[in-house]
Amino acid sequence: MEDLGRKLLEERQLRNITLQDISAATHISVGVLKDIESGKFDKYVGDEEYIKKYIKKYADYLGIESDELVDTYITLTQELNLSKIKEKEEKLKAEPKKAPATKITKPAFAKAPKVYDNHSGRTFVKYTIIVALCLLIIFSVWYALKLSSKDKAGFDNQNQNHISGTPNVDDNEDPVIPPDQDNKEDEKPTDEKTPKVEMTRTAANQYSIKLPADNETFTMKIEFVSYTWSSMLVNGTNYSHFAGKAYNSANTANDKNAAPETVELTFNTKDVNTIVLSNGYNLYHRYYINGEKLDIPESDQSGTYADVTFTFIKE
């Protein structure tokens, strides 16, 4: 980190440029510029995206290769974060584990009866429900028998009216017209399709997501397959509900068939315009919006650093 800042310092002094000149041109405070030249990047943990942009602006102003310096900063930051995580894991392993305390609970039959253990009210409710069900069954059987006897009587009367072979037809009655077949077709229920998420790839690692109009919220699930350091920006700001750290440390071999480490987040649709996921090792990861897997092409997956950008469009 100090070598990176020292290179910027030497290039600036070689050109006889002051920090005030660079601050006025890039709109970066003099204090931040001093920290960059001194290599004090540990003061800006969680703000790596901003420091990366500041280094690029600084180098571009001096007229030197900025991409190389930014790549150096990203590599050093990832190595530093991974080393801190490993140190923390080793420290936890070294701490002695405490034996769990044994708690003996008195069995139910050994407990003394309590005043509030009287369940007479519950018993009354139970028997009341049983009686109500019995009455309902009796009424249903009686009603069914009544309907069957009524239908039988109607059938007998109909047969008596037609013994002579000539049906009793009232000439004054209006003829019964069968319903139009077209109306039956109109009555068929229409298939309502559930609106789905639409994804469009606009550029490398850049995707446009169209959500259904009635979605007030949406979920985003990320499955980290390879061992990677990752952070998230929502609308250009560091998202506090997503921990910037190393994920799936169990898969150091980066096996694409390994079990992933999953993170699932819920967002208010109206509050989100862009989500940027910065992956130190962008390979084999999977993304889901409202449970639907996004089709990420193989060309966008590589074992290097990448910013994966999702832009959300509301209907």
C-alpha atoms as a PDB file:
ATOM      1  CA  MET A   1       0.000   0.000   0.000  1.00  0.00           C
ATOM      2  CA  GLU A   2       2.830   2.424   0.877  1.00  0.00           C
ATOM      3  CA  ASP A   3       4.600   1.696  -2.444  1.00  0.00           C
ATOM      4  CA  LEU A   4       1.450   2.668  -4.359  1.00  0.00           C
ATOM      5  CA  GLY A   5       1.135   5.987  -2.503  1.00  0.00           C
ATOM      6  CA  ARG A   6       4.872   6.684  -2.756  1.00  0.00           C
ATOM      7  CA  LYS A   7       4.717   6.313  -6.543  1.00  0.00           C
ATOM      8  CA  LEU A   8       1.969   8.940  -6.768  1.00  0.00           C
ATOM      9  CA  LEU A   9       3.911  11.247  -4.430  1.00  0.00           C
ATOM     10  CA  GLU A  10       7.114  10.967  -6.493  1.00  0.00           C
ATOM     11  CA  GLU A  11       5.262  11.551  -9.775  1.00  0.00           C
ATOM     12  CA  ARG A  12       3.579  14.662  -8.317  1.00  0.00           C
ATOM     13  CA  GLN A  13       6.810  16.113  -6.949  1.00  0.00           C
ATOM     14  CA  LEU A  14       8.572  15.378 -10.242  1.00  0.00           C
ATOM     15  CA  ARG A  15       6.012  17.607 -11.991  1.00  0.00           C
ATOM     16  CA  ASN A  16       6.144  20.327  -9.279  1.00  0.00           C
ATOM     17  CA  ILE A  17       2.399  20.006  -8.631  1.00  0.00           C
ATOM     18  CA  THR A  18       0.908  20.775  -5.202  1.00  0.00           C
ATOM     19  CA  LEU A  19      -1.815  18.842  -3.428  1.00  0.00           C
ATOM     20  CA  GLN A  20      -3.975  21.963  -3.595  1.00  0.00           C
ATOM     21  CA  ASP A  21      -3.730  21.935  -7.400  1.00  0.00           C
ATOM     22  CA  ILE A  22      -4.868  18.302  -7.573  1.00  0.00           C
ATOM     23  CA  SER A  23      -7.655  18.910  -5.029  1.00  0.00           C
ATOM     24  CA  ALA A  24      -9.013  21.843  -7.047  1.00  0.00           C
ATOM     25  CA  ALA A  25      -8.984  19.824 -10.287  1.00  0.00           C
ATOM     26  CA  THR A  26     -10.363  16.493  -8.965  1.00  0.00           C
ATOM     27  CA  HIS A  27     -12.590  17.759  -6.098  1.00  0.00           C
ATOM     28  CA  ILE A  28     -10.812  15.373  -3.676  1.00  0.00           C
ATOM     29  CA  SER A  29      -9.969  16.808  -0.266  1.00  0.00           C
ATOM     30  CA  VAL A  30      -6.305  17.456   0.561  1.00  0.00           C
ATOM     31  CA  GLY A  31      -6.590  15.191   3.624  1.00  0.00           C
ATOM     32  CA  VAL A  32      -7.682  12.206   1.536  1.00  0.00           C
ATOM     33  CA  LEU A  33      -4.908  12.896  -1.002  1.00  0.00           C
ATOM     34  CA  LYS A  34      -2.338  12.888   1.827  1.00  0.00           C
ATOM     35  CA  ASP A  35      -3.681   9.557   3.132  1.00  0.00           C
ATOM     36  CA  ILE A  36      -3.417   8.050  -0.354  1.00  0.00           C
ATOM     37  CA  GLU A  37       0.194   9.186  -0.720  1.00  0.00           C
ATOM     38  CA  SER A  38       0.988   7.839   2.791  1.00  0.00           C
ATOM     39  CA  GLY A  39      -0.675   4.473   2.081  1.00  0.00           C
ATOM     40  CA  LYS A  40      -3.147   4.863   4.963  1.00  0.00           C
ATOM     41  CA  PHE A  41      -5.903   2.918   3.230  1.00  0.00           C
ATOM     42  CA  ASP A  42      -6.940   1.128   6.432  1.00  0.00           C
ATOM     43  CA  LYS A  43      -8.805   4.326   7.411  1.00  0.00           C
ATOM     44  CA  TYR A  44     -11.272   3.752   4.565  1.00  0.00           C
ATOM     45  CA  VAL A  45     -12.473   0.206   5.201  1.00  0.00           C
ATOM     46  CA  GLY A  46     -15.890  -0.156   3.504  1.00  0.00           C
ATOM     47  CA  ASP A  47     -15.198   2.776   1.138  1.00  0.00           C
ATOM     48  CA  GLU A  48     -12.926   0.873  -1.271  1.00  0.00           C
ATOM     49  CA  GLU A  49     -15.057   1.850  -4.292  1.00  0.00           C
ATOM     50  CA  TYR A  50     -14.506   5.566  -3.609  1.00  0.00           C
ATOM     51  CA  ILE A  51     -10.748   5.176  -2.984  1.00  0.00           C
ATOM     52  CA  LYS A  52     -10.457   3.250  -6.251  1.00  0.00           C
ATOM     53  CA  LYS A  53     -12.081   6.178  -8.116  1.00  0.00           C
ATOM     54  CA  TYR A  54      -9.865   8.724  -6.294  1.00  0.00           C
ATOM     55  CA  ILE A  55      -6.689   6.866  -7.302  1.00  0.00           C
ATOM     56  CA  LYS A  56      -7.856   6.818 -10.937  1.00  0.00           C
ATOM     57  CA  LYS A  57      -8.619  10.574 -10.914  1.00  0.00           C
ATOM     58  CA  TYR A  58      -5.242  11.314  -9.259  1.00  0.00           C
ATOM     59  CA  ALA A  59      -3.290   9.225 -11.782  1.00  0.00           C
ATOM     60  CA  ASP A  60      -5.220  10.604 -14.771  1.00  0.00           C
ATOM     61  CA  TYR A  61      -4.448  14.159 -13.635  1.00  0.00           C
ATOM     62  CA  LEU A  62      -0.729  13.320 -13.433  1.00  0.00           C
ATOM     63  CA  GLY A  63      -0.922  11.676 -16.872  1.00  0.00           C
ATOM     64  CA  ILE A  64       0.281   8.227 -15.759  1.00  0.00           C
ATOM     65  CA  GLU A  65      -1.249   4.784 -16.233  1.00  0.00           C
ATOM     66  CA  SER A  66      -4.277   4.699 -13.907  1.00  0.00           C
ATOM     67  CA  ASP A  67      -5.646   1.207 -14.605  1.00  0.00           C
ATOM     68  CA  GLU A  68      -2.436  -0.436 -13.400  1.00  0.00           C
ATOM     69  CA  LEU A  69      -2.522   1.507 -10.124  1.00  0.00           C
ATOM     70  CA  VAL A  70      -6.212   0.686  -9.583  1.00  0.00           C
ATOM     71  CA  ASP A  71      -5.567  -3.033 -10.203  1.00  0.00           C
ATOM     72  CA  THR A  72      -2.692  -2.914  -7.715  1.00  0.00           C
ATOM     73  CA  TYR A  73      -4.963  -1.320  -5.099  1.00  0.00           C
ATOM     74  CA  ILE A  74      -7.708  -3.928  -5.657  1.00  0.00           C
ATOM     75  CA  THR A  75      -5.245  -6.823  -5.362  1.00  0.00           C
ATOM     76  CA  LEU A  76      -3.655  -5.442  -2.203  1.00  0.00           C
ATOM     77  CA  THR A  77      -7.066  -4.756  -0.630  1.00  0.00           C
ATOM     78  CA  GLN A  78      -8.279  -8.286  -1.288  1.00  0.00           C
ATOM     79  CA  GLU A  79      -5.077  -9.799   0.100  1.00  0.00           C
ATOM     80  CA  LEU A  80      -5.360  -7.610   3.196  1.00  0.00           C
ATOM     81  CA  ASN A  81      -9.008  -8.565   3.792  1.00  0.00           C
ATOM     82  CA  LEU A  82      -8.328 -12.262   3.311  1.00  0.00           C
ATOM     83  CA  SER A  83      -5.364 -12.170   5.703  1.00  0.00           C
ATOM     84  CA  LYS A  84      -7.524 -10.447   8.364  1.00  0.00           C
ATOM     85  CA  ILE A  85     -10.234 -13.074   7.964  1.00  0.00           C
ATOM     86  CA  LYS A  86      -7.711 -15.918   8.264  1.00  0.00           C
ATOM     87  CA  GLU A  87      -6.181 -14.339  11.384  1.00  0.00           C
ATOM     88  CA  LYS A  88      -9.644 -14.065  12.949  1.00  0.00           C
ATOM     89  CA  GLU A  89     -10.444 -17.708  12.097  1.00  0.00           C
ATOM     90  CA  GLU A  90      -7.134 -18.917  13.571  1.00  0.00           C
ATOM     91  CA  LYS A  91      -7.753 -16.865  16.717  1.00  0.00           C
ATOM     92  CA  LEU A  92     -11.198 -18.430  17.145  1.00  0.00           C
ATOM     93  CA  LYS A  93      -9.763 -21.922  16.653  1.00  0.00           C
ATOM     94  CA  ALA A  94      -7.089 -21.260  19.265  1.00  0.00           C
ATOM     95  CA  GLU A  95      -9.572 -20.186  21.946  1.00  0.00           C
ATOM     96  CA  PRO A  96     -10.552 -23.032  24.323  1.00  0.00           C
ATOM     97  CA  LYS A  97     -14.113 -24.199  23.939  1.00  0.00           C
ATOM     98  CA  LYS A  98     -16.315 -24.111  27.033  1.00  0.00           C
ATOM     99  CA  ALA A  99     -18.259 -27.219  27.908  1.00  0.00           C
ATOM    100  CA  PRO A 100     -22.014 -26.624  27.660  1.00  0.00           C
ATOM    101  CA  ALA A 101     -23.771 -26.301  30.984  1.00  0.00           C
ATOM    102  CA  THR A 102     -25.983 -29.244  31.901  1.00  0.00           C
ATOM    103  CA  LYS A 103     -29.514 -28.333  32.919  1.00  0.00           C
ATOM    104  CA  ILE A 104     -31.680 -30.930  34.657  1.00  0.00           C
ATOM    105  CA  THR A 105     -35.414 -30.452  34.219  1.00  0.00           C
ATOM    106  CA  LYS A 106     -37.860 -32.052  36.604  1.00  0.00           C
ATOM    107  CA  PRO A 107     -40.087 -34.575  34.727  1.00  0.00           C
ATOM    108  CA  ALA A 108     -43.749 -33.727  34.325  1.00  0.00           C
ATOM    109  CA  PHE A 109     -44.972 -36.498  36.667  1.00  0.00           C
ATOM    110  CA  ALA A 110     -42.813 -35.116  39.483  1.00  0.00           C
ATOM    111  CA  LYS A 111     -44.244 -31.626  39.353  1.00  0.00           C
ATOM    112  CA  ALA A 112     -46.679 -30.513  42.004  1.00  0.00           C
ATOM    113  CA  PRO A 113     -50.214 -29.799  40.749  1.00  0.00           C
ATOM    114  CA  LYS A 114     -50.953 -26.118  40.251  1.00  0.00           C
ATOM    115  CA  VAL A 115     -54.188 -24.243  40.755  1.00  0.00           C
ATOM    116  CA  TYR A 116     -54.157 -23.153  37.122  1.00  0.00           C
ATOM    117  CA  ASP A 117     -53.807 -26.759  35.879  1.00  0.00           C
ATOM    118  CA  ASN A 118     -57.606 -27.143  35.941  1.00  0.00           C
ATOM    119  CA  HIS A 119     -58.697 -27.856  32.336  1.00  0.00           C
ATOM    120  CA  SER A 120     -62.461 -28.105  32.915  1.00  0.00           C
ATOM    121  CA  GLY A 121     -63.098 -25.188  30.548  1.00  0.00           C
ATOM    122  CA  ARG A 122     -61.141 -26.865  27.774  1.00  0.00           C
ATOM    123  CA  THR A 123     -63.076 -30.124  28.324  1.00  0.00           C
ATOM    124  CA  PHE A 124     -66.421 -28.282  28.074  1.00  0.00           C
ATOM    125  CA  VAL A 125     -65.428 -26.710  24.750  1.00  0.00           C
ATOM    126  CA  LYS A 126     -64.320 -30.081  23.388  1.00  0.00           C
ATOM    127  CA  TYR A 127     -67.620 -31.808  24.199  1.00  0.00           C
ATOM    128  CA  THR A 128     -69.625 -28.858  22.880  1.00  0.00           C
ATOM    129  CA  ILE A 129     -67.875 -29.197  19.505  1.00  0.00           C
ATOM    130  CA  ILE A 130     -68.566 -32.964  19.440  1.00  0.00           C
ATOM    131  CA  VAL A 131     -72.282 -32.432  20.130  1.00  0.00           C
ATOM    132  CA  ALA A 132     -72.513 -29.733  17.432  1.00  0.00           C
ATOM    133  CA  LEU A 133     -70.885 -32.072  14.882  1.00  0.00           C
ATOM    134  CA  CYS A 134     -73.350 -34.867  15.748  1.00  0.00           C
ATOM    135  CA  LEU A 135     -76.324 -32.527  15.289  1.00  0.00           C
ATOM    136  CA  LEU A 136     -74.914 -31.339  11.964  1.00  0.00           C
ATOM    137  CA  ILE A 137     -74.594 -34.929  10.714  1.00  0.00           C
ATOM    138  CA  ILE A 138     -78.176 -35.789  11.786  1.00  0.00           C
ATOM    139  CA  PHE A 139     -79.538 -32.700  10.046  1.00  0.00           C
ATOM    140  CA  SER A 140     -77.613 -33.487   6.852  1.00  0.00           C
ATOM    141  CA  VAL A 141     -78.988 -37.050   6.726  1.00  0.00           C
ATOM    142  CA  TRP A 142     -82.566 -35.815   7.348  1.00  0.00           C
ATOM    143  CA  TYR A 143     -82.304 -33.167   4.645  1.00  0.00           C
ATOM    144  CA  ALA A 144     -80.897 -35.651   2.115  1.00  0.00           C
ATOM    145  CA  LEU A 145     -83.774 -38.090   2.786  1.00  0.00           C
ATOM    146  CA  LYS A 146     -86.302 -35.268   2.390  1.00  0.00           C
ATOM    147  CA  LEU A 147     -84.861 -34.247  -0.981  1.00  0.00           C
ATOM    148  CA  SER A 148     -84.822 -37.830  -2.266  1.00  0.00           C
ATOM    149  CA  SER A 149     -88.503 -38.375  -1.310  1.00  0.00           C
ATOM    150  CA  LYS A 150     -89.503 -35.100  -2.993  1.00  0.00           C
ATOM    151  CA  ASP A 151     -87.725 -36.052  -6.219  1.00  0.00           C
ATOM    152  CA  LYS A 152     -89.448 -39.454  -6.197  1.00  0.00           C
ATOM    153  CA  ALA A 153     -92.894 -37.890  -5.774  1.00  0.00           C
ATOM    154  CA  GLY A 154     -92.265 -35.496  -8.643  1.00  0.00           C
ATOM    155  CA  PHE A 155     -91.170 -38.357 -10.862  1.00  0.00           C
ATOM    156  CA  ASP A 156     -94.376 -40.336 -10.103  1.00  0.00           C
ATOM    157  CA  ASN A 157     -96.587 -37.311 -10.912  1.00  0.00           C
ATOM    158  CA  GLN A 158     -94.797 -36.843 -14.213  1.00  0.00           C
ATOM    159  CA  ASN A 159     -95.416 -40.453 -15.193  1.00  0.00           C
ATOM    160  CA  GLN A 160     -99.166 -40.123 -14.410  1.00  0.00           C
ATOM    161  CA  ASN A 161     -99.476 -37.090 -16.675  1.00  0.00           C
ATOM    162  CA  HIS A 162     -98.037 -39.013 -19.613  1.00  0.00           C
ATOM    163  CA  ILE A 163     -99.864 -42.319 -19.404  1.00  0.00           C
ATOM    164  CA  SER A 164    -101.877 -41.581 -22.583  1.00  0.00           C
ATOM    165  CA  GLY A 165     -98.681 -41.036 -24.512  1.00  0.00           C
ATOM    166  CA  THR A 166     -99.499 -37.373 -25.212  1.00  0.00           C
ATOM    167  CA  PRO A 167     -97.459 -34.864 -23.223  1.00  0.00           C
ATOM    168  CA  ASN A 168     -99.295 -32.065 -21.461  1.00  0.00           C
ATOM    169  CA  VAL A 169     -98.006 -28.993 -23.163  1.00  0.00           C
ATOM    170  CA  ASP A 170     -99.351 -25.533 -22.456  1.00  0.00           C
ATOM    171  CA  ASP A 171     -99.662 -23.645 -25.745  1.00  0.00           C
ATOM    172  CA  ASN A 172     -99.398 -20.339 -23.887  1.00  0.00           C
ATOM    173  CA  GLU A 173     -95.994 -21.176 -22.495  1.00  0.00           C
ATOM    174  CA  ASP A 174     -92.976 -19.686 -24.215  1.00  0.00           C
ATOM    175  CA  PRO A 175     -90.710 -22.227 -25.873  1.00  0.00           C
ATOM    176  CA  VAL A 176     -87.435 -22.952 -24.157  1.00  0.00           C
ATOM    177  CA  ILE A 177     -84.560 -21.700 -26.299  1.00  0.00           C
ATOM    178  CA  PRO A 178     -81.212 -23.450 -25.758  1.00  0.00           C
ATOM    179  CA  PRO A 179     -78.357 -21.158 -24.810  1.00  0.00           C
ATOM    180  CA  ASP A 180     -76.126 -19.893 -27.561  1.00  0.00           C
ATOM    181  CA  GLN A 181     -72.975 -21.918 -27.991  1.00  0.00           C
ATOM    182  CA  ASP A 182     -70.987 -18.717 -28.411  1.00  0.00           C
ATOM    183  CA  ASN A 183     -71.921 -17.655 -24.883  1.00  0.00           C
ATOM    184  CA  LYS A 184     -70.489 -20.897 -23.553  1.00  0.00           C
ATOM    185  CA  GLU A 185     -67.193 -20.124 -25.176  1.00  0.00           C
ATOM    186  CA  ASP A 186     -67.235 -16.658 -23.611  1.00  0.00           C
ATOM    187  CA  GLU A 187     -67.794 -18.212 -20.191  1.00  0.00           C
ATOM    188  CA  LYS A 188     -64.570 -20.213 -20.373  1.00  0.00           C
ATOM    189  CA  PRO A 189     -62.090 -18.958 -17.831  1.00  0.00           C
ATOM    190  CA  THR A 190     -59.063 -17.284 -19.271  1.00  0.00           C
ATOM    191  CA  ASP A 191     -55.597 -18.389 -18.232  1.00  0.00           C
ATOM    192  CA  GLU A 192     -53.970 -15.697 -16.177  1.00  0.00           C
ATOM    193  CA  LYS A 193     -50.213 -15.812 -16.428  1.00  0.00           C
ATOM    194  CA  THR A 194     -48.159 -14.689 -13.481  1.00  0.00           C
ATOM    195  CA  PRO A 195     -45.898 -11.811 -14.549  1.00  0.00           C
ATOM    196  CA  LYS A 196     -42.258 -12.785 -14.472  1.00  0.00           C
ATOM    197  CA  VAL A 197     -38.925 -11.046 -14.149  1.00  0.00           C
ATOM    198  CA  GLU A 198     -37.340 -10.017 -17.456  1.00  0.00           C
ATOM    199  CA  MET A 199     -33.538  -9.718 -17.751  1.00  0.00           C
ATOM    200  CA  THR A 200     -31.602  -8.060 -20.594  1.00  0.00           C
ATOM    201  CA  ARG A 201     -27.802  -8.087 -20.891  1.00  0.00           C
ATOM    202  CA  THR A 202     -26.727  -4.571 -21.889  1.00  0.00           C
ATOM    203  CA  ALA A 203     -22.933  -5.072 -21.684  1.00  0.00           C
ATOM    204  CA  ALA A 204     -20.324  -7.290 -20.038  1.00  0.00           C
ATOM    205  CA  ASN A 205     -21.455  -7.924 -16.433  1.00  0.00           C
ATOM    206  CA  GLN A 206     -24.254  -5.337 -16.834  1.00  0.00           C
ATOM    207  CA  TYR A 207     -27.906  -6.424 -16.748  1.00  0.00           C
ATOM    208  CA  SER A 208     -31.260  -4.640 -16.972  1.00  0.00           C
ATOM    209  CA  ILE A 209     -33.977  -6.162 -14.729  1.00  0.00           C
ATOM    210  CA  LYS A 210     -37.666  -5.455 -15.418  1.00  0.00           C
ATOM    211  CA  LEU A 211     -39.931  -6.221 -12.446  1.00  0.00           C
ATOM    212  CA  PRO A 212     -43.730  -6.734 -12.557  1.00  0.00           C
ATOM    213  CA  ALA A 213     -45.716  -3.549 -11.887  1.00  0.00           C
ATOM    214  CA  ASP A 214     -47.420  -4.931  -8.773  1.00  0.00           C
ATOM    215  CA  ASN A 215     -44.176  -5.870  -6.998  1.00  0.00           C
ATOM    216  CA  GLU A 216     -43.802  -3.501  -4.039  1.00  0.00           C
ATOM    217  CA  THR A 217     -40.801  -5.549  -2.863  1.00  0.00           C
ATOM    218  CA  PHE A 218     -38.447  -8.045  -4.457  1.00  0.00           C
ATOM    219  CA  THR A 219     -35.884 -10.553  -3.205  1.00  0.00           C
ATOM    220  CA  MET A 220     -32.343 -11.036  -4.453  1.00  0.00           C
ATOM    221  CA  LYS A 221     -30.542 -14.281  -3.660  1.00  0.00           C
ATOM    222  CA  ILE A 222     -26.806 -14.691  -4.318  1.00  0.00           C
ATOM    223  CA  GLU A 223     -25.083 -18.087  -4.293  1.00  0.00           C
ATOM    224  CA  PHE A 224     -21.305 -17.640  -3.914  1.00  0.00           C
ATOM    225  CA  VAL A 225     -19.771 -20.809  -5.365  1.00  0.00           C
ATOM    226  CA  SER A 226     -16.087 -19.866  -5.599  1.00  0.00           C
ATOM    227  CA  TYR A 227     -13.992 -18.443  -2.743  1.00  0.00           C
ATOM    228  CA  THR A 228     -14.217 -14.656  -3.147  1.00  0.00           C
ATOM    229  CA  TRP A 229     -14.239 -11.321  -1.378  1.00  0.00           C
ATOM    230  CA  SER A 230     -17.381  -9.301  -2.175  1.00  0.00           C
ATOM    231  CA  SER A 231     -19.047  -5.971  -1.334  1.00  0.00           C
ATOM    232  CA  MET A 232     -22.316  -4.293  -2.446  1.00  0.00           C
ATOM    233  CA  LEU A 233     -23.370  -0.785  -3.475  1.00  0.00           C
ATOM    234  CA  VAL A 234     -27.065   0.167  -3.726  1.00  0.00           C
ATOM    235  CA  ASN A 235     -27.704   3.383  -5.689  1.00  0.00           C
ATOM    236  CA  GLY A 236     -23.968   4.141  -5.422  1.00  0.00           C
ATOM    237  CA  THR A 237     -23.859   3.821  -1.605  1.00  0.00           C
ATOM    238  CA  ASN A 238     -22.353   1.025   0.485  1.00  0.00           C
ATOM    239  CA  TYR A 239     -25.247  -1.266   1.562  1.00  0.00           C
ATOM    240  CA  SER A 240     -25.045  -1.886   5.312  1.00  0.00           C
ATOM    241  CA  HIS A 241     -27.214  -5.049   5.235  1.00  0.00           C
ATOM    242  CA  PHE A 242     -24.641  -6.824   3.041  1.00  0.00           C
ATOM    243  CA  ALA A 243     -21.382  -7.692   4.778  1.00  0.00           C
ATOM    244  CA  GLY A 244     -18.288  -6.854   2.735  1.00  0.00           C
ATOM    245  CA  LYS A 245     -16.119  -9.917   3.416  1.00  0.00           C
ATOM    246  CA  ALA A 246     -14.805 -13.209   2.036  1.00  0.00           C
ATOM    247  CA  TYR A 247     -17.511 -15.739   1.107  1.00  0.00           C
ATOM    248  CA  ASN A 248     -17.421 -19.563   0.795  1.00  0.00           C
ATOM    249  CA  SER A 249     -13.983 -19.931   2.374  1.00  0.00           C
ATOM    250  CA  ALA A 250     -14.636 -23.690   2.430  1.00  0.00           C
ATOM    251  CA  ASN A 251     -14.130 -23.810  -1.371  1.00  0.00           C
ATOM    252  CA  THR A 252     -10.535 -22.585  -1.656  1.00  0.00           C
ATOM    253  CA  ALA A 253     -10.063 -24.982  -4.596  1.00  0.00           C
ATOM    254  CA  ASN A 254     -12.847 -23.105  -6.451  1.00  0.00           C
ATOM    255  CA  ASP A 255     -14.737 -26.251  -7.418  1.00  0.00           C
ATOM    256  CA  LYS A 256     -17.771 -25.242  -9.505  1.00  0.00           C
ATOM    257  CA  ASN A 257     -19.785 -28.161  -8.050  1.00  0.00           C
ATOM    258  CA  ALA A 258     -19.126 -27.174  -4.439  1.00  0.00           C
ATOM    259  CA  ALA A 259     -21.972 -26.191  -2.096  1.00  0.00           C
ATOM    260  CA  PRO A 260     -22.456 -22.398  -2.285  1.00  0.00           C
ATOM    261  CA  GLU A 261     -22.681 -19.859   0.537  1.00  0.00           C
ATOM    262  CA  THR A 262     -26.051 -18.150   0.113  1.00  0.00           C
ATOM    263  CA  VAL A 263     -27.102 -14.570   0.903  1.00  0.00           C
ATOM    264  CA  GLU A 264     -30.740 -13.493   0.457  1.00  0.00           C
ATOM    265  CA  LEU A 265     -31.888  -9.848   0.709  1.00  0.00           C
ATOM    266  CA  THR A 266     -35.265  -8.100   0.406  1.00  0.00           C
ATOM    267  CA  PHE A 267     -35.587  -4.603  -1.132  1.00  0.00           C
ATOM    268  CA  ASN A 268     -38.369  -2.043  -1.594  1.00  0.00           C
ATOM    269  CA  THR A 269     -38.838  -1.794  -5.365  1.00  0.00           C
ATOM    270  CA  LYS A 270     -39.345   1.974  -5.423  1.00  0.00           C
ATOM    271  CA  ASP A 271     -36.114   2.603  -3.453  1.00  0.00           C
ATOM    272  CA  VAL A 272     -33.699   0.653  -5.704  1.00  0.00           C
ATOM    273  CA  ASN A 273     -32.330   1.807  -9.058  1.00  0.00           C
ATOM    274  CA  THR A 274     -28.965   0.014  -9.263  1.00  0.00           C
ATOM    275  CA  ILE A 275     -27.169  -2.747  -7.371  1.00  0.00           C
ATOM    276  CA  VAL A 276     -23.422  -3.201  -7.940  1.00  0.00           C
ATOM    277  CA  LEU A 277     -21.775  -6.366  -6.628  1.00  0.00           C
ATOM    278  CA  SER A 278     -17.958  -6.185  -6.548  1.00  0.00           C
ATOM    279  CA  ASN A 279     -16.477  -9.703  -6.661  1.00  0.00           C
ATOM    280  CA  GLY A 280     -12.778 -10.315  -6.170  1.00  0.00           C
ATOM    281  CA  TYR A 281     -13.137 -13.706  -7.910  1.00  0.00           C
ATOM    282  CA  ASN A 282     -16.106 -13.612 -10.311  1.00  0.00           C
ATOM    283  CA  LEU A 283     -16.609 -17.275 -11.210  1.00  0.00           C
ATOM    284  CA  TYR A 284     -19.540 -19.739 -10.956  1.00  0.00           C
ATOM    285  CA  HIS A 285     -21.715 -17.397  -8.841  1.00  0.00           C
ATOM    286  CA  ARG A 286     -25.503 -17.591  -9.324  1.00  0.00           C
ATOM    287  CA  TYR A 287     -28.149 -14.848  -8.952  1.00  0.00           C
ATOM    288  CA  TYR A 288     -31.929 -15.081  -8.384  1.00  0.00           C
ATOM    289  CA  ILE A 289     -34.614 -12.328  -8.488  1.00  0.00           C
ATOM    290  CA  ASN A 290     -37.935 -13.313  -6.836  1.00  0.00           C
ATOM    291  CA  GLY A 291     -36.801 -16.948  -6.991  1.00  0.00           C
ATOM    292  CA  GLU A 292     -36.078 -16.842 -10.750  1.00  0.00           C
ATOM    293  CA  LYS A 293     -32.512 -17.696 -11.770  1.00  0.00           C
ATOM    294  CA  LEU A 294     -30.844 -15.114 -14.006  1.00  0.00           C
ATOM    295  CA  ASP A 295     -29.144 -16.478 -17.130  1.00  0.00           C
ATOM    296  CA  ILE A 296     -25.529 -15.291 -16.755  1.00  0.00           C
ATOM    297  CA  PRO A 297     -23.413 -16.144 -19.852  1.00  0.00           C
ATOM    298  CA  GLU A 298     -20.077 -17.892 -19.435  1.00  0.00           C
ATOM    299  CA  SER A 299     -18.315 -14.961 -21.104  1.00  0.00           C
ATOM    300  CA  ASP A 300     -19.166 -12.801 -18.048  1.00  0.00           C
ATOM    301  CA  GLN A 301     -17.575 -15.287 -15.616  1.00  0.00           C
ATOM    302  CA  SER A 302     -13.838 -15.181 -15.021  1.00  0.00           C
ATOM    303  CA  GLY A 303     -11.413 -15.795 -12.202  1.00  0.00           C
ATOM    304  CA  THR A 304     -10.633 -12.077 -11.820  1.00  0.00           C
ATOM    305  CA  TYR A 305     -12.146  -9.005 -10.197  1.00  0.00           C
ATOM    306  CA  ALA A 306     -15.413  -7.722 -11.687  1.00  0.00           C
ATOM    307  CA  ASP A 307     -18.233  -5.268 -10.906  1.00  0.00           C
ATOM    308  CA  VAL A 308     -21.581  -6.964 -11.653  1.00  0.00           C
ATOM    309  CA  THR A 309     -24.233  -4.242 -12.185  1.00  0.00           C
ATOM    310  CA  PHE A 310     -28.018  -4.766 -12.046  1.00  0.00           C
ATOM    311  CA  THR A 311     -30.232  -1.856 -13.219  1.00  0.00           C
ATOM    312  CA  PHE A 312     -33.908  -2.116 -12.225  1.00  0.00           C
ATOM    313  CA  ILE A 313     -36.725  -0.867 -14.461  1.00  0.00           C
ATOM    314  CA  LYS A 314     -40.238  -0.323 -13.086  1.00  0.00           C
ATOM    315  CA  GLU A 315     -43.273  -0.871 -15.327  1.00  0.00           C
END
